Amino acid sequence: MAITDPILSVLTPDDFKDYFESDFDYAIISDIKITRAFLEANSLINTSLFSDNDSLTIAFYYLSAHCIVSKYKASNAGLNSVGSNIINSKSVDNVSASYSIPEAYLQRPVFNSYAKTDYGLRYLEMVIPRLVGNVGSVLGTTQP
């Protein structure tokens, strides 16, 4: 299996490491694991949603990071992105925070799965606005 999109096919694990410089322990997350995440993300991403290469690349990186965290957090590989943006309530001493999953994510199982990591949430922030259709009307008539 190979990535066929010309923009995504040239991305390397080193590019991913540069983008997420301090997010991962690259002694645990090897180049092979990043490449596998690229392949998985490639099967999930709809490249036609992105009109420019930079947005596509960034979305792909976040989706790949989501795939890495989703796969390896269950094995306690030292990955701590657990969707902290969806925490309903958290407090330490006099400081508290409360977050929840937006209703749009809860109603769609696919969105809900991305909401389980911070990287997936960031990916959703990029994708959801692109899923809303734009409608325009044109004045005209038909010919008999």
N, C-alpha and C. Protein backbone atom coordinates (compact mmCIF):
# COMPACT_ATOMS: atom_id res chain seq x y z
N MET A 1 0.85 -1.16 0.00
CA MET A 1 0.00 0.00 0.00
C MET A 1 0.90 1.24 0.00
N ALA A 2 0.56 2.20 -0.84
CA ALA A 2 1.35 3.42 -0.94
C ALA A 2 0.45 4.64 -0.94
N ILE A 3 1.01 5.75 -0.55
CA ILE A 3 0.29 7.01 -0.58
C ILE A 3 0.44 7.57 -1.99
N THR A 4 -0.67 7.81 -2.65
CA THR A 4 -0.62 8.24 -4.04
C THR A 4 -0.79 9.74 -4.24
N ASP A 5 -1.33 10.45 -3.26
CA ASP A 5 -1.47 11.90 -3.40
C ASP A 5 -0.07 12.51 -3.52
N PRO A 6 0.16 13.34 -4.55
CA PRO A 6 1.51 13.87 -4.75
C PRO A 6 2.02 14.75 -3.61
N ILE A 7 1.13 15.41 -2.89
CA ILE A 7 1.55 16.25 -1.77
C ILE A 7 1.93 15.39 -0.57
N LEU A 8 1.10 14.41 -0.26
CA LEU A 8 1.33 13.58 0.92
C LEU A 8 2.42 12.54 0.71
N SER A 9 2.62 12.12 -0.52
CA SER A 9 3.57 11.03 -0.80
C SER A 9 5.02 11.44 -0.54
N VAL A 10 5.31 12.72 -0.50
CA VAL A 10 6.69 13.16 -0.28
C VAL A 10 7.00 13.42 1.19
N LEU A 11 5.99 13.34 2.05
CA LEU A 11 6.21 13.58 3.48
C LEU A 11 6.98 12.43 4.09
N THR A 12 7.88 12.75 5.00
CA THR A 12 8.72 11.74 5.63
C THR A 12 8.52 11.75 7.14
N PRO A 13 8.93 10.68 7.81
CA PRO A 13 8.90 10.70 9.27
C PRO A 13 9.68 11.87 9.86
N ASP A 14 10.77 12.27 9.21
CA ASP A 14 11.53 13.42 9.71
C ASP A 14 10.70 14.71 9.63
N ASP A 15 9.89 14.85 8.58
CA ASP A 15 9.00 16.02 8.48
C ASP A 15 8.01 16.02 9.65
N PHE A 16 7.47 14.85 9.95
CA PHE A 16 6.53 14.70 11.07
C PHE A 16 7.22 15.08 12.38
N LYS A 17 8.43 14.60 12.57
CA LYS A 17 9.19 14.90 13.79
C LYS A 17 9.47 16.39 13.91
N ASP A 18 9.75 17.04 12.80
CA ASP A 18 9.97 18.48 12.83
C ASP A 18 8.70 19.23 13.22
N TYR A 19 7.56 18.78 12.71
CA TYR A 19 6.30 19.44 13.00
C TYR A 19 5.90 19.25 14.47
N PHE A 20 6.06 18.02 14.95
CA PHE A 20 5.73 17.70 16.34
C PHE A 20 7.03 17.48 17.11
N GLU A 21 7.84 18.51 17.14
CA GLU A 21 9.20 18.42 17.67
C GLU A 21 9.28 17.83 19.08
N SER A 22 8.42 18.28 19.97
CA SER A 22 8.53 17.84 21.36
C SER A 22 7.28 17.08 21.83
N ASP A 23 6.40 16.71 20.92
CA ASP A 23 5.16 16.06 21.32
C ASP A 23 5.32 14.57 21.62
N PHE A 24 6.29 13.93 21.00
CA PHE A 24 6.43 12.48 21.12
C PHE A 24 7.84 12.12 21.57
N ASP A 25 7.94 10.95 22.20
CA ASP A 25 9.24 10.37 22.52
C ASP A 25 9.63 9.51 21.33
N TYR A 26 10.54 10.04 20.51
CA TYR A 26 10.89 9.35 19.27
C TYR A 26 11.82 8.16 19.48
N ALA A 27 12.16 7.87 20.74
CA ALA A 27 12.82 6.60 21.05
C ALA A 27 11.77 5.48 21.05
N ILE A 28 10.52 5.87 21.34
CA ILE A 28 9.41 4.90 21.37
C ILE A 28 8.68 4.89 20.02
N ILE A 29 8.44 6.06 19.48
CA ILE A 29 7.73 6.18 18.21
C ILE A 29 8.77 6.24 17.09
N SER A 30 9.00 5.10 16.48
CA SER A 30 10.03 4.96 15.45
C SER A 30 9.52 5.45 14.09
N ASP A 31 10.43 5.56 13.16
CA ASP A 31 10.07 5.95 11.80
C ASP A 31 9.09 4.97 11.18
N ILE A 32 9.23 3.70 11.50
CA ILE A 32 8.31 2.67 10.96
C ILE A 32 6.90 2.93 11.49
N LYS A 33 6.77 3.26 12.76
CA LYS A 33 5.44 3.54 13.33
C LYS A 33 4.84 4.80 12.72
N ILE A 34 5.66 5.80 12.46
CA ILE A 34 5.16 7.03 11.82
C ILE A 34 4.71 6.71 10.40
N THR A 35 5.49 5.92 9.68
CA THR A 35 5.12 5.53 8.31
C THR A 35 3.81 4.75 8.31
N ARG A 36 3.63 3.86 9.27
CA ARG A 36 2.36 3.12 9.37
C ARG A 36 1.20 4.06 9.66
N ALA A 37 1.44 5.05 10.52
CA ALA A 37 0.40 6.05 10.81
C ALA A 37 0.07 6.86 9.56
N PHE A 38 1.08 7.17 8.76
CA PHE A 38 0.85 7.86 7.49
C PHE A 38 -0.07 7.04 6.60
N LEU A 39 0.18 5.75 6.51
CA LEU A 39 -0.65 4.88 5.66
C LEU A 39 -2.09 4.83 6.18
N GLU A 40 -2.23 4.73 7.50
CA GLU A 40 -3.57 4.70 8.08
C GLU A 40 -4.29 6.04 7.86
N ALA A 41 -3.59 7.13 8.10
CA ALA A 41 -4.18 8.45 7.90
C ALA A 41 -4.55 8.66 6.43
N ASN A 42 -3.74 8.13 5.53
CA ASN A 42 -4.02 8.24 4.10
C ASN A 42 -5.34 7.58 3.76
N SER A 43 -5.65 6.48 4.43
CA SER A 43 -6.91 5.78 4.15
C SER A 43 -8.11 6.50 4.75
N LEU A 44 -7.87 7.44 5.67
CA LEU A 44 -8.96 8.14 6.35
C LEU A 44 -9.22 9.55 5.80
N ILE A 45 -8.20 10.18 5.26
CA ILE A 45 -8.33 11.59 4.89
C ILE A 45 -9.00 11.74 3.52
N ASN A 46 -9.81 12.78 3.41
CA ASN A 46 -10.42 13.14 2.13
C ASN A 46 -9.65 14.36 1.62
N THR A 47 -8.70 14.12 0.74
CA THR A 47 -7.82 15.20 0.28
C THR A 47 -8.57 16.29 -0.48
N SER A 48 -9.71 15.96 -1.04
CA SER A 48 -10.45 16.96 -1.82
C SER A 48 -11.09 18.04 -0.94
N LEU A 49 -11.09 17.85 0.37
CA LEU A 49 -11.63 18.88 1.26
C LEU A 49 -10.70 20.08 1.40
N PHE A 50 -9.44 19.90 1.03
CA PHE A 50 -8.44 20.94 1.27
C PHE A 50 -8.03 21.58 -0.05
N SER A 51 -8.18 22.89 -0.12
CA SER A 51 -7.90 23.60 -1.36
C SER A 51 -6.45 24.04 -1.49
N ASP A 52 -5.69 23.96 -0.41
CA ASP A 52 -4.27 24.33 -0.51
C ASP A 52 -3.40 23.25 0.14
N ASN A 53 -2.18 23.17 -0.32
CA ASN A 53 -1.26 22.12 0.12
C ASN A 53 -0.88 22.23 1.59
N ASP A 54 -0.74 23.45 2.09
CA ASP A 54 -0.35 23.61 3.50
C ASP A 54 -1.42 23.08 4.44
N SER A 55 -2.68 23.41 4.18
CA SER A 55 -3.77 22.92 5.03
C SER A 55 -3.87 21.40 4.96
N LEU A 56 -3.72 20.85 3.77
CA LEU A 56 -3.75 19.40 3.61
C LEU A 56 -2.63 18.74 4.41
N THR A 57 -1.45 19.28 4.30
CA THR A 57 -0.30 18.71 5.01
C THR A 57 -0.50 18.76 6.52
N ILE A 58 -0.93 19.91 7.04
CA ILE A 58 -1.14 20.04 8.48
C ILE A 58 -2.23 19.09 8.96
N ALA A 59 -3.33 19.03 8.24
CA ALA A 59 -4.41 18.10 8.61
C ALA A 59 -3.90 16.67 8.61
N PHE A 60 -3.11 16.32 7.62
CA PHE A 60 -2.54 14.97 7.53
C PHE A 60 -1.63 14.67 8.73
N TYR A 61 -0.83 15.64 9.12
CA TYR A 61 0.02 15.45 10.29
C TYR A 61 -0.81 15.20 11.55
N TYR A 62 -1.85 16.02 11.75
CA TYR A 62 -2.70 15.84 12.93
C TYR A 62 -3.43 14.50 12.90
N LEU A 63 -3.90 14.10 11.73
CA LEU A 63 -4.57 12.81 11.62
C LEU A 63 -3.59 11.68 11.87
N SER A 64 -2.38 11.80 11.37
CA SER A 64 -1.35 10.78 11.61
C SER A 64 -1.00 10.70 13.10
N ALA A 65 -0.87 11.86 13.74
CA ALA A 65 -0.59 11.88 15.18
C ALA A 65 -1.73 11.23 15.95
N HIS A 66 -2.96 11.51 15.54
CA HIS A 66 -4.12 10.87 16.16
C HIS A 66 -4.03 9.35 16.02
N CYS A 67 -3.66 8.88 14.84
CA CYS A 67 -3.54 7.44 14.62
C CYS A 67 -2.46 6.83 15.50
N ILE A 68 -1.35 7.52 15.66
CA ILE A 68 -0.27 7.02 16.53
C ILE A 68 -0.75 6.92 17.96
N VAL A 69 -1.34 7.99 18.46
CA VAL A 69 -1.78 8.00 19.86
C VAL A 69 -2.87 6.97 20.08
N SER A 70 -3.82 6.87 19.17
CA SER A 70 -4.91 5.90 19.31
C SER A 70 -4.38 4.48 19.38
N LYS A 71 -3.40 4.19 18.55
CA LYS A 71 -2.88 2.83 18.49
C LYS A 71 -2.01 2.48 19.69
N TYR A 72 -1.19 3.42 20.11
CA TYR A 72 -0.18 3.09 21.10
C TYR A 72 -0.49 3.50 22.53
N LYS A 73 -1.51 4.32 22.75
CA LYS A 73 -1.79 4.68 24.14
C LYS A 73 -2.34 3.50 24.93
N ALA A 74 -3.01 2.59 24.26
CA ALA A 74 -3.52 1.40 24.94
C ALA A 74 -2.39 0.50 25.42
N SER A 75 -1.25 0.57 24.75
CA SER A 75 -0.12 -0.26 25.15
C SER A 75 0.81 0.46 26.12
N ASN A 76 0.34 1.61 26.66
CA ASN A 76 1.12 2.39 27.62
C ASN A 76 2.49 2.76 27.07
N ALA A 77 2.52 3.24 25.83
CA ALA A 77 3.78 3.59 25.20
C ALA A 77 4.24 5.00 25.54
N GLY A 78 3.73 5.56 26.61
CA GLY A 78 4.15 6.88 27.03
C GLY A 78 3.48 8.01 26.27
N LEU A 79 2.34 7.74 25.68
CA LEU A 79 1.63 8.78 24.94
C LEU A 79 0.50 9.29 25.80
N ASN A 80 0.49 10.59 26.02
CA ASN A 80 -0.44 11.15 26.99
C ASN A 80 -1.54 12.03 26.40
N SER A 81 -1.72 12.03 25.09
CA SER A 81 -2.77 12.84 24.49
C SER A 81 -4.08 12.08 24.61
N VAL A 82 -4.88 12.46 25.58
CA VAL A 82 -6.12 11.71 25.85
C VAL A 82 -7.36 12.55 25.62
N GLY A 83 -7.26 13.49 24.73
CA GLY A 83 -8.43 14.33 24.48
C GLY A 83 -8.74 15.22 25.66
N SER A 84 -7.73 15.87 26.20
CA SER A 84 -7.95 16.69 27.40
C SER A 84 -8.93 17.83 27.12
N ASN A 85 -9.11 18.19 25.86
CA ASN A 85 -10.05 19.25 25.54
C ASN A 85 -11.50 18.82 25.73
N ILE A 86 -11.73 17.53 25.97
CA ILE A 86 -13.10 17.07 26.15
C ILE A 86 -13.41 16.71 27.60
N ILE A 87 -12.47 16.98 28.48
CA ILE A 87 -12.67 16.69 29.89
C ILE A 87 -13.86 17.50 30.39
N ASN A 88 -14.77 16.85 31.08
CA ASN A 88 -15.97 17.54 31.55
C ASN A 88 -15.69 18.42 32.76
N SER A 89 -14.79 17.98 33.63
CA SER A 89 -14.48 18.79 34.80
C SER A 89 -13.13 18.35 35.36
N LYS A 90 -12.35 19.32 35.81
CA LYS A 90 -11.04 19.02 36.38
C LYS A 90 -10.68 20.15 37.32
N SER A 91 -10.13 19.84 38.50
CA SER A 91 -9.75 20.91 39.40
C SER A 91 -8.53 20.52 40.22
N VAL A 92 -7.73 21.52 40.52
CA VAL A 92 -6.58 21.38 41.38
C VAL A 92 -6.57 22.62 42.26
N ASP A 93 -6.67 22.42 43.56
CA ASP A 93 -6.77 23.53 44.50
C ASP A 93 -7.91 24.47 44.09
N ASN A 94 -7.59 25.74 43.85
CA ASN A 94 -8.62 26.71 43.50
C ASN A 94 -8.81 26.89 41.99
N VAL A 95 -8.13 26.08 41.20
CA VAL A 95 -8.20 26.21 39.75
C VAL A 95 -9.02 25.05 39.20
N SER A 96 -9.95 25.36 38.31
CA SER A 96 -10.74 24.29 37.71
C SER A 96 -10.96 24.56 36.22
N ALA A 97 -11.22 23.49 35.52
CA ALA A 97 -11.52 23.58 34.09
C ALA A 97 -12.63 22.59 33.78
N SER A 98 -13.46 22.95 32.83
CA SER A 98 -14.55 22.08 32.45
C SER A 98 -14.72 22.12 30.93
N TYR A 99 -14.67 20.98 30.31
CA TYR A 99 -14.84 20.87 28.87
C TYR A 99 -15.84 19.76 28.60
N SER A 100 -16.39 19.73 27.44
CA SER A 100 -17.23 18.62 27.05
C SER A 100 -17.18 18.45 25.54
N ILE A 101 -17.57 17.28 25.10
CA ILE A 101 -17.58 17.01 23.67
C ILE A 101 -18.73 17.78 23.04
N PRO A 102 -18.46 18.56 22.01
CA PRO A 102 -19.56 19.26 21.34
C PRO A 102 -20.61 18.27 20.82
N GLU A 103 -21.84 18.68 20.84
CA GLU A 103 -22.96 17.81 20.43
C GLU A 103 -22.77 17.25 19.03
N ALA A 104 -22.20 18.04 18.13
CA ALA A 104 -21.98 17.58 16.75
C ALA A 104 -21.06 16.36 16.72
N TYR A 105 -20.12 16.29 17.66
CA TYR A 105 -19.21 15.14 17.71
C TYR A 105 -19.91 13.92 18.28
N LEU A 106 -20.75 14.15 19.29
CA LEU A 106 -21.45 13.04 19.93
C LEU A 106 -22.44 12.36 18.99
N GLN A 107 -23.05 13.13 18.11
CA GLN A 107 -24.08 12.58 17.24
C GLN A 107 -23.52 11.78 16.08
N ARG A 108 -22.25 11.96 15.78
CA ARG A 108 -21.63 11.23 14.68
C ARG A 108 -20.52 10.35 15.22
N PRO A 109 -20.65 9.03 15.10
CA PRO A 109 -19.65 8.12 15.64
C PRO A 109 -18.24 8.36 15.08
N VAL A 110 -18.12 8.76 13.84
CA VAL A 110 -16.80 9.01 13.26
C VAL A 110 -16.14 10.20 13.96
N PHE A 111 -16.89 11.28 14.15
CA PHE A 111 -16.33 12.44 14.84
C PHE A 111 -15.97 12.08 16.27
N ASN A 112 -16.81 11.31 16.91
CA ASN A 112 -16.58 10.91 18.29
C ASN A 112 -15.25 10.18 18.43
N SER A 113 -14.90 9.34 17.46
CA SER A 113 -13.63 8.60 17.55
C SER A 113 -12.44 9.54 17.48
N TYR A 114 -12.55 10.64 16.71
CA TYR A 114 -11.45 11.60 16.63
C TYR A 114 -11.35 12.44 17.90
N ALA A 115 -12.42 12.56 18.64
CA ALA A 115 -12.44 13.37 19.85
C ALA A 115 -11.71 12.71 21.02
N LYS A 116 -11.16 11.53 20.80
CA LYS A 116 -10.48 10.82 21.89
C LYS A 116 -9.03 11.22 22.06
N THR A 117 -8.51 12.02 21.13
CA THR A 117 -7.15 12.55 21.30
C THR A 117 -7.15 14.03 20.96
N ASP A 118 -6.20 14.75 21.52
CA ASP A 118 -6.07 16.17 21.20
C ASP A 118 -5.77 16.37 19.72
N TYR A 119 -4.99 15.46 19.15
CA TYR A 119 -4.66 15.56 17.73
C TYR A 119 -5.89 15.33 16.86
N GLY A 120 -6.72 14.40 17.25
CA GLY A 120 -7.96 14.16 16.51
C GLY A 120 -8.90 15.35 16.61
N LEU A 121 -8.95 15.99 17.77
CA LEU A 121 -9.78 17.19 17.92
C LEU A 121 -9.28 18.31 17.02
N ARG A 122 -7.98 18.46 16.96
CA ARG A 122 -7.42 19.51 16.09
C ARG A 122 -7.75 19.20 14.63
N TYR A 123 -7.66 17.92 14.26
CA TYR A 123 -8.03 17.51 12.90
C TYR A 123 -9.50 17.85 12.62
N LEU A 124 -10.37 17.56 13.58
CA LEU A 124 -11.78 17.89 13.41
C LEU A 124 -12.00 19.39 13.24
N GLU A 125 -11.25 20.19 13.98
CA GLU A 125 -11.37 21.64 13.84
C GLU A 125 -11.05 22.10 12.42
N MET A 126 -10.18 21.36 11.76
CA MET A 126 -9.82 21.71 10.39
C MET A 126 -10.82 21.15 9.38
N VAL A 127 -11.40 20.00 9.67
CA VAL A 127 -12.25 19.31 8.70
C VAL A 127 -13.70 19.78 8.75
N ILE A 128 -14.26 19.94 9.93
CA ILE A 128 -15.69 20.22 10.06
C ILE A 128 -16.14 21.46 9.28
N PRO A 129 -15.40 22.57 9.33
CA PRO A 129 -15.86 23.71 8.52
C PRO A 129 -15.87 23.42 7.02
N ARG A 130 -15.05 22.49 6.59
CA ARG A 130 -14.98 22.15 5.17
C ARG A 130 -16.09 21.18 4.76
N LEU A 131 -16.80 20.65 5.73
CA LEU A 131 -17.88 19.71 5.42
C LEU A 131 -19.21 20.42 5.18
N VAL A 132 -19.26 21.70 5.51
CA VAL A 132 -20.47 22.49 5.32
C VAL A 132 -20.52 22.95 3.87
N GLY A 133 -21.60 22.63 3.19
CA GLY A 133 -21.72 23.00 1.78
C GLY A 133 -22.02 24.46 1.58
N ASN A 134 -21.53 24.99 0.49
CA ASN A 134 -21.83 26.36 0.10
C ASN A 134 -22.82 26.30 -1.06
N VAL A 135 -23.84 27.10 -0.99
CA VAL A 135 -24.87 27.10 -2.02
C VAL A 135 -24.98 28.50 -2.60
N GLY A 136 -25.09 28.57 -3.90
CA GLY A 136 -25.28 29.85 -4.55
C GLY A 136 -26.36 29.71 -5.60
N SER A 137 -26.95 30.79 -5.97
CA SER A 137 -27.98 30.73 -7.00
C SER A 137 -27.57 31.60 -8.18
N VAL A 138 -28.04 31.22 -9.33
CA VAL A 138 -27.75 31.96 -10.55
C VAL A 138 -29.07 32.22 -11.25
N LEU A 139 -29.28 33.45 -11.66
CA LEU A 139 -30.49 33.82 -12.38
C LEU A 139 -30.37 33.33 -13.81
N GLY A 140 -31.40 32.67 -14.29
CA GLY A 140 -31.37 32.19 -15.66
C GLY A 140 -32.68 31.55 -16.04
N THR A 141 -32.78 31.20 -17.27
CA THR A 141 -33.98 30.52 -17.77
C THR A 141 -33.56 29.31 -18.59
N THR A 142 -34.52 28.48 -18.88
CA THR A 142 -34.25 27.31 -19.71
C THR A 142 -34.77 27.56 -21.11
N GLN A 143 -34.22 26.90 -22.06
CA GLN A 143 -34.65 27.00 -23.45
C GLN A 143 -35.61 25.85 -23.75
N PRO A 144 -36.68 26.10 -24.51
CA PRO A 144 -37.62 25.03 -24.82
C PRO A 144 -37.02 23.97 -25.73
